[in-house]
């Protein structure tokens, strides 16, 4: 048995962006990325969080996918100065998830108070994708060899027998000096497995994978193993 901190979030909207899509409609991944979750945890702590500090797992569900139209401000580089583009603004379609629910499990029991009294307001995607922290508790989890799992992000390998969305991601980012941007860590291919309701999950094929765990409430998740 292993003791982890379980934090339950919920919100009205979420925007886990699909990476590397720079034109056309902005679309969502089926799940958040690990770098996005590290940023969300860091928001609660009030500081950047490096991947060496924490191991985490999650389960992500939502009610539906919808689209909104937003105004996008176009800019231009004018001899080193960033100024508004002469053609003005344009309309931009953006996909988002409706009524997201996120459960995060981490191995840092000493961070419990930061989730009960977060320093920043956690979001899942954009600044308007606010999340409410619904519950924080310590749970005893047991390791299992295989499980029917969904709403998660697994490192892709030949032994992985499951359907999902393949995507190449920077596993995490490190903050540089303020104002100088971020540096990505290892780039890996992941399989984003969309959430399934209970009936769909019962019909799914069991996945045999390292670092799978089950909670007393029968929630199953993968505790991520960073490749740093």
C-alpha atoms as a PDB file:
ATOM      1  CA  UNK A   1       0.000   0.000   0.000  1.00  0.00           C
ATOM      2  CA  UNK A   2       1.069   3.556  -0.727  1.00  0.00           C
ATOM      3  CA  UNK A   3      -0.290   6.805   0.716  1.00  0.00           C
ATOM      4  CA  UNK A   4      -0.951   9.625  -1.739  1.00  0.00           C
ATOM      5  CA  UNK A   5      -2.674  12.987  -1.650  1.00  0.00           C
ATOM      6  CA  UNK A   6      -5.886  13.042  -3.703  1.00  0.00           C
ATOM      7  CA  UNK A   7      -7.156  16.427  -4.908  1.00  0.00           C
ATOM      8  CA  UNK A   8     -10.484  16.735  -6.747  1.00  0.00           C
ATOM      9  CA  UNK A   9     -11.116  19.726  -9.029  1.00  0.00           C
ATOM     10  CA  UNK A  10     -14.129  20.789 -11.064  1.00  0.00           C
ATOM     11  CA  UNK A  11     -14.973  23.772 -13.249  1.00  0.00           C
ATOM     12  CA  UNK A  12     -17.183  25.182 -15.986  1.00  0.00           C
ATOM     13  CA  UNK A  13     -14.692  25.083 -18.872  1.00  0.00           C
ATOM     14  CA  UNK A  14     -11.236  23.708 -19.669  1.00  0.00           C
ATOM     15  CA  UNK A  15      -8.930  24.127 -22.662  1.00  0.00           C
ATOM     16  CA  UNK A  16      -6.178  21.491 -22.769  1.00  0.00           C
ATOM     17  CA  UNK A  17      -4.755  22.676 -26.104  1.00  0.00           C
ATOM     18  CA  UNK A  18      -3.511  20.362 -28.823  1.00  0.00           C
ATOM     19  CA  UNK A  19       0.168  21.311 -29.321  1.00  0.00           C
ATOM     20  CA  UNK A  20       1.771  22.513 -32.567  1.00  0.00           C
ATOM     21  CA  UNK A  21      -1.496  23.702 -34.169  1.00  0.00           C
ATOM     22  CA  UNK A  22      -0.787  27.348 -34.948  1.00  0.00           C
ATOM     23  CA  UNK A  23      -3.480  28.168 -37.502  1.00  0.00           C
ATOM     24  CA  UNK A  24      -7.146  27.448 -38.052  1.00  0.00           C
ATOM     25  CA  UNK A  25      -9.422  26.473 -35.200  1.00  0.00           C
ATOM     26  CA  UNK A  26      -7.834  25.862 -31.796  1.00  0.00           C
ATOM     27  CA  UNK A  27      -8.721  22.301 -30.748  1.00  0.00           C
ATOM     28  CA  UNK A  28      -8.412  20.398 -27.482  1.00  0.00           C
ATOM     29  CA  UNK A  29      -6.567  17.250 -26.506  1.00  0.00           C
ATOM     30  CA  UNK A  30      -8.591  14.482 -24.911  1.00  0.00           C
ATOM     31  CA  UNK A  31      -6.699  15.019 -21.639  1.00  0.00           C
ATOM     32  CA  UNK A  32      -4.446  17.617 -20.011  1.00  0.00           C
ATOM     33  CA  UNK A  33      -0.676  17.264 -20.408  1.00  0.00           C
ATOM     34  CA  UNK A  34       1.706  16.650 -17.516  1.00  0.00           C
ATOM     35  CA  UNK A  35       3.304  20.044 -18.048  1.00  0.00           C
ATOM     36  CA  UNK A  36      -0.127  21.696 -17.747  1.00  0.00           C
ATOM     37  CA  UNK A  37      -0.807  19.823 -14.502  1.00  0.00           C
ATOM     38  CA  UNK A  38       2.587  20.833 -13.083  1.00  0.00           C
ATOM     39  CA  UNK A  39       1.712  24.445 -13.845  1.00  0.00           C
ATOM     40  CA  UNK A  40      -1.673  24.082 -12.151  1.00  0.00           C
ATOM     41  CA  UNK A  41      -0.033  22.576  -9.057  1.00  0.00           C
ATOM     42  CA  UNK A  42       2.538  25.382  -9.075  1.00  0.00           C
ATOM     43  CA  UNK A  43      -0.274  27.933  -9.170  1.00  0.00           C
ATOM     44  CA  UNK A  44      -1.654  26.462  -5.943  1.00  0.00           C
ATOM     45  CA  UNK A  45       1.820  26.518  -4.366  1.00  0.00           C
ATOM     46  CA  UNK A  46       2.599  30.018  -5.624  1.00  0.00           C
ATOM     47  CA  UNK A  47       5.857  29.014  -7.349  1.00  0.00           C
ATOM     48  CA  UNK A  48       7.161  26.956 -10.307  1.00  0.00           C
ATOM     49  CA  UNK A  49       7.262  23.203  -9.654  1.00  0.00           C
ATOM     50  CA  UNK A  50       9.988  21.043 -11.191  1.00  0.00           C
ATOM     51  CA  UNK A  51       9.142  17.454 -12.165  1.00  0.00           C
ATOM     52  CA  UNK A  52      11.784  16.070  -9.756  1.00  0.00           C
ATOM     53  CA  UNK A  53       9.700  17.370  -6.856  1.00  0.00           C
ATOM     54  CA  UNK A  54       6.573  15.280  -7.350  1.00  0.00           C
ATOM     55  CA  UNK A  55       5.117  12.181  -8.943  1.00  0.00           C
ATOM     56  CA  UNK A  56       1.558  12.580 -10.150  1.00  0.00           C
ATOM     57  CA  UNK A  57      -1.315  10.702 -11.709  1.00  0.00           C
ATOM     58  CA  UNK A  58      -4.729  11.910 -12.836  1.00  0.00           C
ATOM     59  CA  UNK A  59      -8.174  11.047 -14.187  1.00  0.00           C
ATOM     60  CA  UNK A  60      -9.931  13.631 -16.354  1.00  0.00           C
ATOM     61  CA  UNK A  61     -13.587  13.674 -17.435  1.00  0.00           C
ATOM     62  CA  UNK A  62     -15.943  16.257 -18.915  1.00  0.00           C
ATOM     63  CA  UNK A  63     -19.540  16.470 -20.150  1.00  0.00           C
ATOM     64  CA  UNK A  64     -19.134  17.675 -23.723  1.00  0.00           C
ATOM     65  CA  UNK A  65     -17.049  19.608 -26.246  1.00  0.00           C
ATOM     66  CA  UNK A  66     -18.181  23.000 -27.549  1.00  0.00           C
ATOM     67  CA  UNK A  67     -16.877  25.939 -29.583  1.00  0.00           C
ATOM     68  CA  UNK A  68     -16.726  29.658 -28.968  1.00  0.00           C
ATOM     69  CA  UNK A  69     -15.734  32.593 -31.165  1.00  0.00           C
ATOM     70  CA  UNK A  70     -13.163  35.007 -29.767  1.00  0.00           C
ATOM     71  CA  UNK A  71     -11.551  38.182 -31.017  1.00  0.00           C
ATOM     72  CA  UNK A  72      -7.872  37.747 -31.789  1.00  0.00           C
ATOM     73  CA  UNK A  73      -5.532  40.733 -31.854  1.00  0.00           C
ATOM     74  CA  UNK A  74      -3.082  40.520 -34.750  1.00  0.00           C
ATOM     75  CA  UNK A  75       0.376  42.022 -34.202  1.00  0.00           C
ATOM     76  CA  UNK A  76       3.334  42.868 -36.443  1.00  0.00           C
ATOM     77  CA  UNK A  77       7.052  43.390 -35.854  1.00  0.00           C
ATOM     78  CA  UNK A  78       7.922  46.933 -36.941  1.00  0.00           C
ATOM     79  CA  UNK A  79      11.716  47.319 -36.734  1.00  0.00           C
ATOM     80  CA  UNK A  80      11.862  45.525 -33.409  1.00  0.00           C
ATOM     81  CA  UNK A  81       8.661  47.031 -32.036  1.00  0.00           C
ATOM     82  CA  UNK A  82       5.523  44.888 -31.669  1.00  0.00           C
ATOM     83  CA  UNK A  83       2.558  46.979 -32.823  1.00  0.00           C
ATOM     84  CA  UNK A  84      -1.070  46.244 -33.864  1.00  0.00           C
ATOM     85  CA  UNK A  85      -1.446  44.922 -37.414  1.00  0.00           C
ATOM     86  CA  UNK A  86      -2.902  47.332 -39.910  1.00  0.00           C
ATOM     87  CA  UNK A  87      -5.734  44.899 -40.745  1.00  0.00           C
ATOM     88  CA  UNK A  88      -6.958  44.954 -37.153  1.00  0.00           C
ATOM     89  CA  UNK A  89      -8.511  42.021 -35.320  1.00  0.00           C
ATOM     90  CA  UNK A  90     -10.104  38.847 -36.616  1.00  0.00           C
ATOM     91  CA  UNK A  91     -12.511  36.182 -35.349  1.00  0.00           C
ATOM     92  CA  UNK A  92     -11.086  32.896 -34.084  1.00  0.00           C
ATOM     93  CA  UNK A  93     -12.932  29.674 -33.271  1.00  0.00           C
ATOM     94  CA  UNK A  94     -11.771  27.936 -30.104  1.00  0.00           C
ATOM     95  CA  UNK A  95     -12.796  24.528 -28.799  1.00  0.00           C
ATOM     96  CA  UNK A  96     -13.280  23.905 -25.082  1.00  0.00           C
ATOM     97  CA  UNK A  97     -14.489  21.198 -22.704  1.00  0.00           C
ATOM     98  CA  UNK A  98     -17.709  21.679 -20.742  1.00  0.00           C
ATOM     99  CA  UNK A  99     -17.944  20.913 -17.009  1.00  0.00           C
ATOM    100  CA  UNK A 100     -14.484  19.361 -16.566  1.00  0.00           C
ATOM    101  CA  UNK A 101     -13.717  17.163 -13.567  1.00  0.00           C
ATOM    102  CA  UNK A 102     -10.143  16.335 -12.618  1.00  0.00           C
ATOM    103  CA  UNK A 103      -8.720  14.108  -9.902  1.00  0.00           C
ATOM    104  CA  UNK A 104      -4.984  14.417  -9.250  1.00  0.00           C
ATOM    105  CA  UNK A 105      -2.935  12.054  -7.085  1.00  0.00           C
ATOM    106  CA  UNK A 106       0.506  13.206  -5.892  1.00  0.00           C
ATOM    107  CA  UNK A 107       3.123  11.755  -3.547  1.00  0.00           C
ATOM    108  CA  UNK A 108       3.664  15.052  -1.663  1.00  0.00           C
ATOM    109  CA  UNK A 109       1.563  14.750   1.481  1.00  0.00           C
ATOM    110  CA  UNK A 110       3.272  17.868   2.836  1.00  0.00           C
ATOM    111  CA  UNK A 111       1.560  19.978   0.140  1.00  0.00           C
ATOM    112  CA  UNK A 112      -1.938  19.350   1.493  1.00  0.00           C
ATOM    113  CA  UNK A 113      -2.388  22.837   2.969  1.00  0.00           C
ATOM    114  CA  UNK A 114      -1.569  24.469  -0.387  1.00  0.00           C
ATOM    115  CA  UNK A 115      -4.637  22.804  -1.892  1.00  0.00           C
ATOM    116  CA  UNK A 116      -6.852  23.618   1.071  1.00  0.00           C
ATOM    117  CA  UNK A 117      -5.680  27.251   0.935  1.00  0.00           C
ATOM    118  CA  UNK A 118      -4.162  27.783  -2.554  1.00  0.00           C
ATOM    119  CA  UNK A 119      -1.994  30.827  -3.143  1.00  0.00           C
ATOM    120  CA  UNK A 120      -3.213  31.235  -6.741  1.00  0.00           C
ATOM    121  CA  UNK A 121      -6.461  30.332  -8.476  1.00  0.00           C
ATOM    122  CA  UNK A 122      -5.961  27.032 -10.360  1.00  0.00           C
ATOM    123  CA  UNK A 123      -6.963  26.938 -14.022  1.00  0.00           C
ATOM    124  CA  UNK A 124      -6.977  24.248 -16.708  1.00  0.00           C
ATOM    125  CA  UNK A 125      -5.847  25.903 -19.919  1.00  0.00           C
ATOM    126  CA  UNK A 126      -6.579  29.620 -20.164  1.00  0.00           C
ATOM    127  CA  UNK A 127      -6.853  32.131 -17.330  1.00  0.00           C
ATOM    128  CA  UNK A 128     -10.674  32.052 -17.575  1.00  0.00           C
ATOM    129  CA  UNK A 129     -10.785  28.234 -17.193  1.00  0.00           C
ATOM    130  CA  UNK A 130     -11.053  28.452 -13.416  1.00  0.00           C
ATOM    131  CA  UNK A 131     -11.230  25.337 -11.258  1.00  0.00           C
ATOM    132  CA  UNK A 132     -12.756  24.819  -7.836  1.00  0.00           C
ATOM    133  CA  UNK A 133     -10.987  22.502  -5.397  1.00  0.00           C
ATOM    134  CA  UNK A 134     -13.794  20.204  -4.326  1.00  0.00           C
ATOM    135  CA  UNK A 135     -11.990  17.819  -1.969  1.00  0.00           C
ATOM    136  CA  UNK A 136      -8.530  17.143  -0.562  1.00  0.00           C
ATOM    137  CA  UNK A 137      -7.730  13.901   1.250  1.00  0.00           C
ATOM    138  CA  UNK A 138      -5.041  11.307   1.885  1.00  0.00           C
ATOM    139  CA  UNK A 139      -5.773   7.895   0.371  1.00  0.00           C
ATOM    140  CA  UNK A 140      -4.177   4.461   0.607  1.00  0.00           C
ATOM    141  CA  UNK A 141      -3.683   3.048  -2.896  1.00  0.00           C
ATOM    142  CA  UNK A 142      -2.638  -0.421  -3.995  1.00  0.00           C
ATOM    143  CA  UNK A 143      -0.447  -1.314  -6.957  1.00  0.00           C
ATOM    144  CA  UNK A 144      -2.110  -3.410  -9.667  1.00  0.00           C
ATOM    145  CA  UNK A 145      -0.697  -5.127 -12.759  1.00  0.00           C
ATOM    146  CA  UNK A 146      -3.467  -4.248 -15.238  1.00  0.00           C
ATOM    147  CA  UNK A 147      -6.696  -2.274 -15.376  1.00  0.00           C
ATOM    148  CA  UNK A 148      -9.393  -0.839 -17.626  1.00  0.00           C
ATOM    149  CA  UNK A 149      -8.340   2.784 -17.647  1.00  0.00           C
ATOM    150  CA  UNK A 150      -9.447   6.026 -19.325  1.00  0.00           C
ATOM    151  CA  UNK A 151      -9.177   9.780 -18.916  1.00  0.00           C
ATOM    152  CA  UNK A 152      -5.401   9.583 -18.641  1.00  0.00           C
ATOM    153  CA  UNK A 153      -2.126  10.139 -20.522  1.00  0.00           C
ATOM    154  CA  UNK A 154       0.241   7.166 -20.901  1.00  0.00           C
ATOM    155  CA  UNK A 155       3.751   7.107 -22.372  1.00  0.00           C
ATOM    156  CA  UNK A 156       3.448   5.243 -25.665  1.00  0.00           C
ATOM    157  CA  UNK A 157       5.245   1.961 -26.208  1.00  0.00           C
ATOM    158  CA  UNK A 158       4.903  -1.208 -28.228  1.00  0.00           C
ATOM    159  CA  UNK A 159       3.383  -3.061 -25.271  1.00  0.00           C
ATOM    160  CA  UNK A 160       0.520  -0.574 -24.923  1.00  0.00           C
ATOM    161  CA  UNK A 161      -2.692  -2.140 -26.230  1.00  0.00           C
ATOM    162  CA  UNK A 162      -5.278   0.627 -26.040  1.00  0.00           C
ATOM    163  CA  UNK A 163      -7.075   3.124 -28.285  1.00  0.00           C
ATOM    164  CA  UNK A 164      -6.430   6.826 -27.943  1.00  0.00           C
ATOM    165  CA  UNK A 165      -4.857   9.933 -29.425  1.00  0.00           C
ATOM    166  CA  UNK A 166      -1.108   9.829 -30.164  1.00  0.00           C
ATOM    167  CA  UNK A 167       0.676  13.115 -29.539  1.00  0.00           C
ATOM    168  CA  UNK A 168       4.299  14.176 -29.091  1.00  0.00           C
ATOM    169  CA  UNK A 169       4.823  16.451 -26.110  1.00  0.00           C
ATOM    170  CA  UNK A 170       7.488  18.068 -23.999  1.00  0.00           C
ATOM    171  CA  UNK A 171       7.092  16.133 -20.775  1.00  0.00           C
ATOM    172  CA  UNK A 172       7.633  19.239 -18.643  1.00  0.00           C
ATOM    173  CA  UNK A 173       9.148  22.724 -18.709  1.00  0.00           C
ATOM    174  CA  UNK A 174      11.676  24.454 -16.458  1.00  0.00           C
ATOM    175  CA  UNK A 175      11.457  28.132 -15.679  1.00  0.00           C
ATOM    176  CA  UNK A 176      14.492  30.236 -16.641  1.00  0.00           C
ATOM    177  CA  UNK A 177      15.332  33.719 -15.421  1.00  0.00           C
ATOM    178  CA  UNK A 178      12.162  35.823 -15.269  1.00  0.00           C
ATOM    179  CA  UNK A 179      11.394  37.210 -18.721  1.00  0.00           C
ATOM    180  CA  UNK A 180      13.585  34.734 -20.621  1.00  0.00           C
ATOM    181  CA  UNK A 181      10.972  32.031 -21.190  1.00  0.00           C
ATOM    182  CA  UNK A 182      11.033  28.323 -20.414  1.00  0.00           C
ATOM    183  CA  UNK A 183      13.135  25.319 -21.388  1.00  0.00           C
ATOM    184  CA  UNK A 184      11.462  22.039 -22.263  1.00  0.00           C
ATOM    185  CA  UNK A 185      12.636  18.733 -20.827  1.00  0.00           C
ATOM    186  CA  UNK A 186      12.429  15.373 -22.619  1.00  0.00           C
ATOM    187  CA  UNK A 187      10.126  15.119 -25.638  1.00  0.00           C
ATOM    188  CA  UNK A 188       8.067  11.903 -25.627  1.00  0.00           C
ATOM    189  CA  UNK A 189       5.167  10.325 -27.475  1.00  0.00           C
ATOM    190  CA  UNK A 190       2.081   9.870 -25.304  1.00  0.00           C
ATOM    191  CA  UNK A 191      -1.277   8.187 -25.765  1.00  0.00           C
ATOM    192  CA  UNK A 192      -4.154  10.353 -24.559  1.00  0.00           C
ATOM    193  CA  UNK A 193      -6.974   7.957 -23.649  1.00  0.00           C
ATOM    194  CA  UNK A 194     -10.348   9.766 -23.624  1.00  0.00           C
ATOM    195  CA  UNK A 195     -12.575   9.238 -20.617  1.00  0.00           C
ATOM    196  CA  UNK A 196     -15.243   6.565 -20.859  1.00  0.00           C
ATOM    197  CA  UNK A 197     -18.396   6.107 -18.830  1.00  0.00           C
ATOM    198  CA  UNK A 198     -18.766   3.017 -16.646  1.00  0.00           C
ATOM    199  CA  UNK A 199     -20.449   0.925 -19.357  1.00  0.00           C
ATOM    200  CA  UNK A 200     -17.835   1.821 -21.992  1.00  0.00           C
ATOM    201  CA  UNK A 201     -14.999   1.172 -19.571  1.00  0.00           C
ATOM    202  CA  UNK A 202     -16.373  -2.263 -18.706  1.00  0.00           C
ATOM    203  CA  UNK A 203     -16.271  -3.164 -22.425  1.00  0.00           C
ATOM    204  CA  UNK A 204     -12.718  -1.839 -22.862  1.00  0.00           C
ATOM    205  CA  UNK A 205      -9.641  -4.045 -23.075  1.00  0.00           C
ATOM    206  CA  UNK A 206      -7.548  -4.183 -19.861  1.00  0.00           C
ATOM    207  CA  UNK A 207      -4.202  -2.396 -20.084  1.00  0.00           C
ATOM    208  CA  UNK A 208      -1.090  -3.977 -18.535  1.00  0.00           C
ATOM    209  CA  UNK A 209       1.244  -1.100 -17.656  1.00  0.00           C
ATOM    210  CA  UNK A 210       3.783  -0.157 -14.942  1.00  0.00           C
ATOM    211  CA  UNK A 211       2.790   2.107 -12.053  1.00  0.00           C
ATOM    212  CA  UNK A 212      -0.952   1.442 -12.100  1.00  0.00           C
ATOM    213  CA  UNK A 213      -2.788   1.974  -8.813  1.00  0.00           C
ATOM    214  CA  UNK A 214      -6.315   1.602  -7.429  1.00  0.00           C
ATOM    215  CA  UNK A 215      -7.945   3.675  -4.686  1.00  0.00           C
ATOM    216  CA  UNK A 216     -10.449   2.414  -2.063  1.00  0.00           C
ATOM    217  CA  UNK A 217     -13.221   4.001  -4.195  1.00  0.00           C
ATOM    218  CA  UNK A 218     -12.087   1.836  -7.154  1.00  0.00           C
ATOM    219  CA  UNK A 219     -10.571   4.728  -9.098  1.00  0.00           C
ATOM    220  CA  UNK A 220      -7.712   3.462 -11.270  1.00  0.00           C
ATOM    221  CA  UNK A 221      -4.828   5.677 -12.411  1.00  0.00           C
ATOM    222  CA  UNK A 222      -1.257   5.702 -13.710  1.00  0.00           C
ATOM    223  CA  UNK A 223       1.396   7.400 -11.539  1.00  0.00           C
ATOM    224  CA  UNK A 224       3.706   9.061 -14.055  1.00  0.00           C
ATOM    225  CA  UNK A 225       7.373   8.088 -14.259  1.00  0.00           C
ATOM    226  CA  UNK A 226       9.365  11.114 -15.452  1.00  0.00           C
ATOM    227  CA  UNK A 227      12.199  10.605 -17.953  1.00  0.00           C
ATOM    228  CA  UNK A 228      14.572  13.440 -17.013  1.00  0.00           C
END
